[in-house]
Amino acid sequence: MKLAVIGTGYVGLVAGVCFAEVGNEVLCVDVDEEKLARLRNGEVPIYEPGLDHLFARNLRENRLCFTNDLKQAVAHAEIIFLALPTPPAPDGSADLSFILGAAEEIGKLLEKYTVIVTKSTVPVGTADKVRDAILKNARCEFDVAAILSFCARARRSKISSSRSV
């Protein structure tokens, strides 16, 4: 399957490497050119036991690639994972501007059915906000889903879905 992961922080990079390890073609997107250069050269900027080995293998086998080109990633992907920061806003709520900004841009670029998944730590109802942001410009059918983070047991995780045209 062809996947894109938007954001190469801890969550996005680990997810992208793991998706590649099980055979998916993963294109990771980031805006930080220096970080992208290091990643393309095989440098892993975070520590997670065993990640460096998996990273190197999947980079070498071309299942894991890096770009700053969102248009390329959207064209590539059947599923797009949003793994973007959600820092606290001044009132203490999650600042969704990175996620909603990316969703709006994705809506402008979608040309085929795609599933967009939030992989960031977000409040309940964010999938609806992501759907609305994409709908501002979308010209094709898409679905939005959320992977709940920090569940006590992954097998008990629930996925919320929001289908849109």
C-alpha atoms as a PDB file:
ATOM      1  CA  MET A   1       0.000   0.000   0.000  1.00  0.00           C
ATOM      2  CA  LYS A   2       1.186   3.543  -0.650  1.00  0.00           C
ATOM      3  CA  LEU A   3       1.190   5.735   2.451  1.00  0.00           C
ATOM      4  CA  ALA A   4       2.191   9.276   3.310  1.00  0.00           C
ATOM      5  CA  VAL A   5       3.064  10.453   6.799  1.00  0.00           C
ATOM      6  CA  ILE A   6       2.918  14.214   7.285  1.00  0.00           C
ATOM      7  CA  GLY A   7       5.358  15.133  10.042  1.00  0.00           C
ATOM      8  CA  THR A   8       8.616  13.385  10.945  1.00  0.00           C
ATOM      9  CA  GLY A   9       8.675  13.995  14.673  1.00  0.00           C
ATOM     10  CA  TYR A  10       8.688  11.094  17.094  1.00  0.00           C
ATOM     11  CA  VAL A  11       5.182   9.860  16.244  1.00  0.00           C
ATOM     12  CA  GLY A  12       5.449  10.334  12.483  1.00  0.00           C
ATOM     13  CA  LEU A  13       8.914   8.890  12.060  1.00  0.00           C
ATOM     14  CA  VAL A  14       8.256   5.803  14.180  1.00  0.00           C
ATOM     15  CA  ALA A  15       4.926   5.219  12.409  1.00  0.00           C
ATOM     16  CA  GLY A  16       6.488   5.679   8.972  1.00  0.00           C
ATOM     17  CA  VAL A  17       9.331   3.258   9.701  1.00  0.00           C
ATOM     18  CA  CYS A  18       6.943   0.645  11.102  1.00  0.00           C
ATOM     19  CA  PHE A  19       4.570   0.970   8.132  1.00  0.00           C
ATOM     20  CA  ALA A  20       7.529   0.501   5.768  1.00  0.00           C
ATOM     21  CA  GLU A  21       8.781  -2.481   7.748  1.00  0.00           C
ATOM     22  CA  VAL A  22       5.556  -4.392   7.040  1.00  0.00           C
ATOM     23  CA  GLY A  23       5.920  -3.766   3.303  1.00  0.00           C
ATOM     24  CA  ASN A  24       4.211  -0.448   2.607  1.00  0.00           C
ATOM     25  CA  GLU A  25       5.728   2.257   0.400  1.00  0.00           C
ATOM     26  CA  VAL A  26       5.982   5.238   2.761  1.00  0.00           C
ATOM     27  CA  LEU A  27       6.661   8.836   1.803  1.00  0.00           C
ATOM     28  CA  CYS A  28       7.286  11.042   4.848  1.00  0.00           C
ATOM     29  CA  VAL A  29       6.802  14.802   4.547  1.00  0.00           C
ATOM     30  CA  ASP A  30       8.383  17.565   6.580  1.00  0.00           C
ATOM     31  CA  VAL A  31       9.082  21.280   6.083  1.00  0.00           C
ATOM     32  CA  ASP A  32      12.491  21.214   7.800  1.00  0.00           C
ATOM     33  CA  GLU A  33      15.038  20.844   4.970  1.00  0.00           C
ATOM     34  CA  GLU A  34      17.966  20.190   7.325  1.00  0.00           C
ATOM     35  CA  LYS A  35      16.078  17.391   9.041  1.00  0.00           C
ATOM     36  CA  LEU A  36      15.072  15.925   5.681  1.00  0.00           C
ATOM     37  CA  ALA A  37      18.710  15.945   4.512  1.00  0.00           C
ATOM     38  CA  ARG A  38      19.784  14.089   7.668  1.00  0.00           C
ATOM     39  CA  LEU A  39      16.978  11.544   7.275  1.00  0.00           C
ATOM     40  CA  ARG A  40      17.820  10.962   3.601  1.00  0.00           C
ATOM     41  CA  ASN A  41      21.431  10.359   4.666  1.00  0.00           C
ATOM     42  CA  GLY A  42      20.350   7.685   7.124  1.00  0.00           C
ATOM     43  CA  GLU A  43      20.535   9.681  10.357  1.00  0.00           C
ATOM     44  CA  VAL A  44      17.802   8.881  12.870  1.00  0.00           C
ATOM     45  CA  PRO A  45      17.201  12.007  15.017  1.00  0.00           C
ATOM     46  CA  ILE A  46      15.324  10.227  17.827  1.00  0.00           C
ATOM     47  CA  TYR A  47      15.955   7.231  20.034  1.00  0.00           C
ATOM     48  CA  GLU A  48      13.624   4.265  20.012  1.00  0.00           C
ATOM     49  CA  PRO A  49      15.109   0.803  20.631  1.00  0.00           C
ATOM     50  CA  GLY A  50      15.673  -0.972  17.290  1.00  0.00           C
ATOM     51  CA  LEU A  51      14.449   1.936  15.183  1.00  0.00           C
ATOM     52  CA  ASP A  52      17.837   2.671  13.613  1.00  0.00           C
ATOM     53  CA  HIS A  53      18.081  -0.861  12.190  1.00  0.00           C
ATOM     54  CA  LEU A  54      14.539  -0.797  10.768  1.00  0.00           C
ATOM     55  CA  PHE A  55      15.070   2.728   9.448  1.00  0.00           C
ATOM     56  CA  ALA A  56      18.286   1.778   7.627  1.00  0.00           C
ATOM     57  CA  ARG A  57      16.799  -1.363   6.073  1.00  0.00           C
ATOM     58  CA  ASN A  58      13.674   0.370   4.785  1.00  0.00           C
ATOM     59  CA  LEU A  59      15.598   3.384   3.503  1.00  0.00           C
ATOM     60  CA  ARG A  60      17.990   1.035   1.663  1.00  0.00           C
ATOM     61  CA  GLU A  61      15.095  -0.993   0.208  1.00  0.00           C
ATOM     62  CA  ASN A  62      13.333   2.212  -0.941  1.00  0.00           C
ATOM     63  CA  ARG A  63      10.196   1.569   1.086  1.00  0.00           C
ATOM     64  CA  LEU A  64      10.883   4.710   3.136  1.00  0.00           C
ATOM     65  CA  CYS A  65      11.478   8.080   1.446  1.00  0.00           C
ATOM     66  CA  PHE A  66      11.438  11.714   2.546  1.00  0.00           C
ATOM     67  CA  THR A  67      10.233  14.918   0.866  1.00  0.00           C
ATOM     68  CA  ASN A  68       9.075  18.455   1.526  1.00  0.00           C
ATOM     69  CA  ASP A  69       6.622  18.216  -1.389  1.00  0.00           C
ATOM     70  CA  LEU A  70       3.091  17.780  -0.047  1.00  0.00           C
ATOM     71  CA  LYS A  71       1.681  17.578  -3.585  1.00  0.00           C
ATOM     72  CA  GLN A  72       3.961  14.614  -4.341  1.00  0.00           C
ATOM     73  CA  ALA A  73       2.902  12.892  -1.109  1.00  0.00           C
ATOM     74  CA  VAL A  74      -0.822  13.391  -1.753  1.00  0.00           C
ATOM     75  CA  ALA A  75      -0.478  12.056  -5.307  1.00  0.00           C
ATOM     76  CA  HIS A  76       1.490   9.046  -3.972  1.00  0.00           C
ATOM     77  CA  ALA A  77      -0.757   8.031  -1.091  1.00  0.00           C
ATOM     78  CA  GLU A  78      -3.819   5.878  -0.669  1.00  0.00           C
ATOM     79  CA  ILE A  79      -3.752   6.763   3.037  1.00  0.00           C
ATOM     80  CA  ILE A  80      -2.311   9.950   4.545  1.00  0.00           C
ATOM     81  CA  PHE A  81      -1.395  10.059   8.223  1.00  0.00           C
ATOM     82  CA  LEU A  82      -1.280  13.460   9.921  1.00  0.00           C
ATOM     83  CA  ALA A  83       1.398  13.199  12.621  1.00  0.00           C
ATOM     84  CA  LEU A  84       1.771  16.867  13.402  1.00  0.00           C
ATOM     85  CA  PRO A  85       2.374  18.752  16.640  1.00  0.00           C
ATOM     86  CA  THR A  86      -0.550  19.856  18.787  1.00  0.00           C
ATOM     87  CA  PRO A  87       1.065  22.227  21.277  1.00  0.00           C
ATOM     88  CA  PRO A  88      -1.048  23.777  24.009  1.00  0.00           C
ATOM     89  CA  ALA A  89      -2.889  26.933  23.009  1.00  0.00           C
ATOM     90  CA  PRO A  90      -2.829  29.906  25.429  1.00  0.00           C
ATOM     91  CA  ASP A  91      -6.101  28.676  26.992  1.00  0.00           C
ATOM     92  CA  GLY A  92      -4.651  25.176  27.529  1.00  0.00           C
ATOM     93  CA  SER A  93      -6.572  23.473  24.726  1.00  0.00           C
ATOM     94  CA  ALA A  94      -4.783  21.690  21.867  1.00  0.00           C
ATOM     95  CA  ASP A  95      -3.616  24.020  19.099  1.00  0.00           C
ATOM     96  CA  LEU A  96      -4.880  22.267  15.968  1.00  0.00           C
ATOM     97  CA  SER A  97      -3.498  24.837  13.513  1.00  0.00           C
ATOM     98  CA  PHE A  98      -0.795  22.521  12.105  1.00  0.00           C
ATOM     99  CA  ILE A  99      -3.283  19.698  11.545  1.00  0.00           C
ATOM    100  CA  LEU A 100      -6.069  21.862  10.141  1.00  0.00           C
ATOM    101  CA  GLY A 101      -3.640  23.803   7.939  1.00  0.00           C
ATOM    102  CA  ALA A 102      -2.308  20.563   6.476  1.00  0.00           C
ATOM    103  CA  ALA A 103      -5.855  19.249   6.007  1.00  0.00           C
ATOM    104  CA  GLU A 104      -6.863  22.359   4.081  1.00  0.00           C
ATOM    105  CA  GLU A 105      -3.790  22.035   1.824  1.00  0.00           C
ATOM    106  CA  ILE A 106      -4.495  18.339   1.289  1.00  0.00           C
ATOM    107  CA  GLY A 107      -8.034  19.231   0.194  1.00  0.00           C
ATOM    108  CA  LYS A 108      -6.599  21.466  -2.537  1.00  0.00           C
ATOM    109  CA  LEU A 109      -4.360  18.644  -3.778  1.00  0.00           C
ATOM    110  CA  LEU A 110      -6.633  15.582  -3.650  1.00  0.00           C
ATOM    111  CA  GLU A 111      -7.326  14.122  -7.078  1.00  0.00           C
ATOM    112  CA  LYS A 112      -8.389  10.588  -6.094  1.00  0.00           C
ATOM    113  CA  TYR A 113     -10.128   8.831  -3.230  1.00  0.00           C
ATOM    114  CA  THR A 114      -7.854   8.938  -0.172  1.00  0.00           C
ATOM    115  CA  VAL A 115      -8.193   8.187   3.527  1.00  0.00           C
ATOM    116  CA  ILE A 116      -6.779  10.875   5.839  1.00  0.00           C
ATOM    117  CA  VAL A 117      -5.958   9.722   9.374  1.00  0.00           C
ATOM    118  CA  THR A 118      -5.087  11.854  12.391  1.00  0.00           C
ATOM    119  CA  LYS A 119      -2.219  10.205  14.279  1.00  0.00           C
ATOM    120  CA  SER A 120      -1.591  13.180  16.571  1.00  0.00           C
ATOM    121  CA  THR A 121      -2.871  13.626  20.097  1.00  0.00           C
ATOM    122  CA  VAL A 122      -6.117  15.487  19.451  1.00  0.00           C
ATOM    123  CA  PRO A 123      -9.400  16.126  21.270  1.00  0.00           C
ATOM    124  CA  VAL A 124     -12.630  14.345  20.431  1.00  0.00           C
ATOM    125  CA  GLY A 125     -14.278  15.925  17.386  1.00  0.00           C
ATOM    126  CA  THR A 126     -11.047  16.705  15.543  1.00  0.00           C
ATOM    127  CA  ALA A 127     -11.910  14.282  12.712  1.00  0.00           C
ATOM    128  CA  ASP A 128     -14.954  16.446  11.941  1.00  0.00           C
ATOM    129  CA  LYS A 129     -12.783  19.574  11.883  1.00  0.00           C
ATOM    130  CA  VAL A 130     -10.276  17.851   9.596  1.00  0.00           C
ATOM    131  CA  ARG A 131     -13.112  16.759   7.290  1.00  0.00           C
ATOM    132  CA  ASP A 132     -14.465  20.320   7.164  1.00  0.00           C
ATOM    133  CA  ALA A 133     -11.004  21.744   6.398  1.00  0.00           C
ATOM    134  CA  ILE A 134     -10.527  19.278   3.527  1.00  0.00           C
ATOM    135  CA  LEU A 135     -14.062  19.904   2.228  1.00  0.00           C
ATOM    136  CA  LYS A 136     -13.265  23.604   1.666  1.00  0.00           C
ATOM    137  CA  ASN A 137     -11.369  22.610  -1.491  1.00  0.00           C
ATOM    138  CA  ALA A 138     -11.895  18.887  -2.128  1.00  0.00           C
ATOM    139  CA  ARG A 139     -12.944  17.797  -5.593  1.00  0.00           C
ATOM    140  CA  CYS A 140     -13.142  14.075  -4.912  1.00  0.00           C
ATOM    141  CA  GLU A 141     -14.348  11.592  -2.351  1.00  0.00           C
ATOM    142  CA  PHE A 142     -12.309  10.983   0.809  1.00  0.00           C
ATOM    143  CA  ASP A 143     -12.633   9.572   4.305  1.00  0.00           C
ATOM    144  CA  VAL A 144     -11.247  10.834   7.584  1.00  0.00           C
ATOM    145  CA  ALA A 145     -10.345   8.583  10.501  1.00  0.00           C
ATOM    146  CA  ALA A 146      -8.598   9.026  13.838  1.00  0.00           C
ATOM    147  CA  ILE A 147      -6.218   6.709  15.637  1.00  0.00           C
ATOM    148  CA  LEU A 148      -6.597   7.320  19.322  1.00  0.00           C
ATOM    149  CA  SER A 149      -3.265   7.751  21.052  1.00  0.00           C
ATOM    150  CA  PHE A 150      -2.243   6.697  24.506  1.00  0.00           C
ATOM    151  CA  CYS A 151      -4.743   3.854  24.863  1.00  0.00           C
ATOM    152  CA  ALA A 152      -3.992   1.373  27.615  1.00  0.00           C
ATOM    153  CA  ARG A 153      -4.116  -1.470  25.103  1.00  0.00           C
ATOM    154  CA  ALA A 154      -3.766  -1.020  21.373  1.00  0.00           C
ATOM    155  CA  ARG A 155      -6.202  -3.820  20.595  1.00  0.00           C
ATOM    156  CA  ARG A 156      -8.882  -1.847  22.410  1.00  0.00           C
ATOM    157  CA  SER A 157      -8.255   1.305  20.369  1.00  0.00           C
ATOM    158  CA  LYS A 158     -11.245   2.589  18.526  1.00  0.00           C
ATOM    159  CA  ILE A 159     -11.116   4.283  15.160  1.00  0.00           C
ATOM    160  CA  SER A 160     -13.633   7.007  14.431  1.00  0.00           C
ATOM    161  CA  SER A 161     -14.501   7.576  10.812  1.00  0.00           C
ATOM    162  CA  SER A 162     -16.125  10.418   8.961  1.00  0.00           C
ATOM    163  CA  ARG A 163     -16.971   9.839   5.272  1.00  0.00           C
ATOM    164  CA  SER A 164     -17.207  12.791   2.878  1.00  0.00           C
ATOM    165  CA  VAL A 165     -17.592  13.495  -0.786  1.00  0.00           C
END
